[in-house]
Amino acid sequence: MAEKDRVRIKQFSFTLLPEENAMLTKNAFEYGLSKSKYLRKLILAESLAGKQWHMGRDQAKQLIYEVNRIGNNVNQIAYNTNVVRFSSK
């Protein structure tokens, strides 16, 4: 059904913290949508094409470092699990 043929009869309101409202306003603005249209797209799981993620060099380095640390921890867990399994036999 086309958007113009739909009549919205239910109204919903909720309370946000000032930080949440600022985030909602910022995100809706980044997509070029009103807050209500932005929320409708989220609820209907529609595509929010147009937003591009930009990361600074320092942020990218920090993210890579953290992912590497997680990988290191997973490897240590796997190693210790295998050592215990094979040494207990």
Protein backbone atom coordinates (compact mmCIF):
# COMPACT_ATOMS: atom_id res chain seq x y z
CA MET A 1 0.00 0.00 0.00
CA ALA A 2 1.37 3.37 -0.92
CA GLU A 3 2.41 5.73 1.86
CA LYS A 4 -0.15 8.35 0.83
CA ASP A 5 -3.01 5.82 1.09
CA ARG A 6 -2.19 4.99 4.70
CA VAL A 7 -3.97 6.84 7.46
CA ARG A 8 -2.28 6.86 10.82
CA ILE A 9 -4.82 6.87 13.62
CA LYS A 10 -2.73 5.73 16.58
CA GLN A 11 -0.58 8.22 18.41
CA PHE A 12 2.25 7.15 20.69
CA SER A 13 4.35 9.24 22.99
CA PHE A 14 7.25 8.45 25.28
CA THR A 15 9.76 10.28 27.40
CA LEU A 16 13.44 10.61 26.59
CA LEU A 17 16.43 11.79 28.52
CA PRO A 18 17.98 14.99 27.13
CA GLU A 19 20.92 12.94 25.79
CA GLU A 20 18.56 10.48 24.07
CA ASN A 21 16.58 13.32 22.52
CA ALA A 22 19.79 14.92 21.26
CA MET A 23 20.87 11.59 19.76
CA LEU A 24 17.48 11.11 18.09
CA THR A 25 17.57 14.63 16.68
CA LYS A 26 21.14 14.20 15.43
CA ASN A 27 20.47 10.81 13.80
CA ALA A 28 17.27 11.98 12.12
CA PHE A 29 19.08 15.09 10.82
CA GLU A 30 21.95 12.97 9.43
CA TYR A 31 19.43 10.99 7.35
CA GLY A 32 17.53 14.11 6.34
CA LEU A 33 14.35 12.90 8.04
CA SER A 34 12.00 14.19 10.66
CA LYS A 35 12.11 12.41 14.01
CA SER A 36 8.81 10.64 13.33
CA LYS A 37 9.85 9.46 9.86
CA TYR A 38 13.20 8.29 11.24
CA LEU A 39 11.50 6.29 14.02
CA ARG A 40 8.98 4.80 11.56
CA LYS A 41 11.83 3.59 9.33
CA LEU A 42 13.53 2.01 12.34
CA ILE A 43 10.30 0.30 13.45
CA LEU A 44 9.55 -1.00 9.96
CA ALA A 45 13.20 -2.08 9.49
CA GLU A 46 13.42 -0.03 6.32
CA SER A 47 16.73 0.93 4.82
CA LEU A 48 18.34 4.06 6.13
CA ALA A 49 20.61 4.52 3.14
CA GLY A 50 22.72 7.59 2.99
CA LYS A 51 24.48 7.60 6.32
CA GLN A 52 28.15 6.90 6.04
CA TRP A 53 30.36 6.00 8.94
CA HIS A 54 33.52 8.02 9.22
CA MET A 55 36.22 7.11 11.64
CA GLY A 56 39.28 9.11 12.51
CA ARG A 57 42.74 7.60 12.31
CA ASP A 58 43.07 7.40 16.10
CA GLN A 59 39.66 5.76 16.43
CA ALA A 60 40.54 3.20 13.76
CA LYS A 61 43.84 2.39 15.46
CA GLN A 62 42.06 1.97 18.82
CA LEU A 63 39.40 -0.28 17.25
CA ILE A 64 42.05 -2.47 15.59
CA TYR A 65 43.94 -2.70 18.87
CA GLU A 66 40.81 -3.75 20.78
CA VAL A 67 39.81 -6.35 18.17
CA ASN A 68 43.34 -7.78 18.29
CA ARG A 69 43.15 -7.98 22.10
CA ILE A 70 39.85 -9.85 21.86
CA GLY A 71 41.39 -12.26 19.35
CA ASN A 72 44.35 -12.78 21.67
CA ASN A 73 42.02 -13.56 24.57
CA VAL A 74 40.06 -16.07 22.47
CA ASN A 75 43.30 -17.78 21.45
CA GLN A 76 44.43 -18.02 25.08
CA ILE A 77 41.09 -19.54 26.09
CA ALA A 78 41.28 -22.10 23.27
CA TYR A 79 44.90 -22.95 24.13
CA ASN A 80 44.16 -23.41 27.83
CA THR A 81 41.07 -25.49 27.06
CA ASN A 82 43.11 -27.79 24.81
CA VAL A 83 45.96 -28.07 27.32
CA VAL A 84 43.58 -29.08 30.11
CA ARG A 85 41.69 -31.51 27.87
CA PHE A 86 44.80 -33.32 26.59
CA SER A 87 46.76 -33.26 29.85
CA SER A 88 43.91 -34.75 31.87
CA LYS A 89 43.78 -37.93 29.75
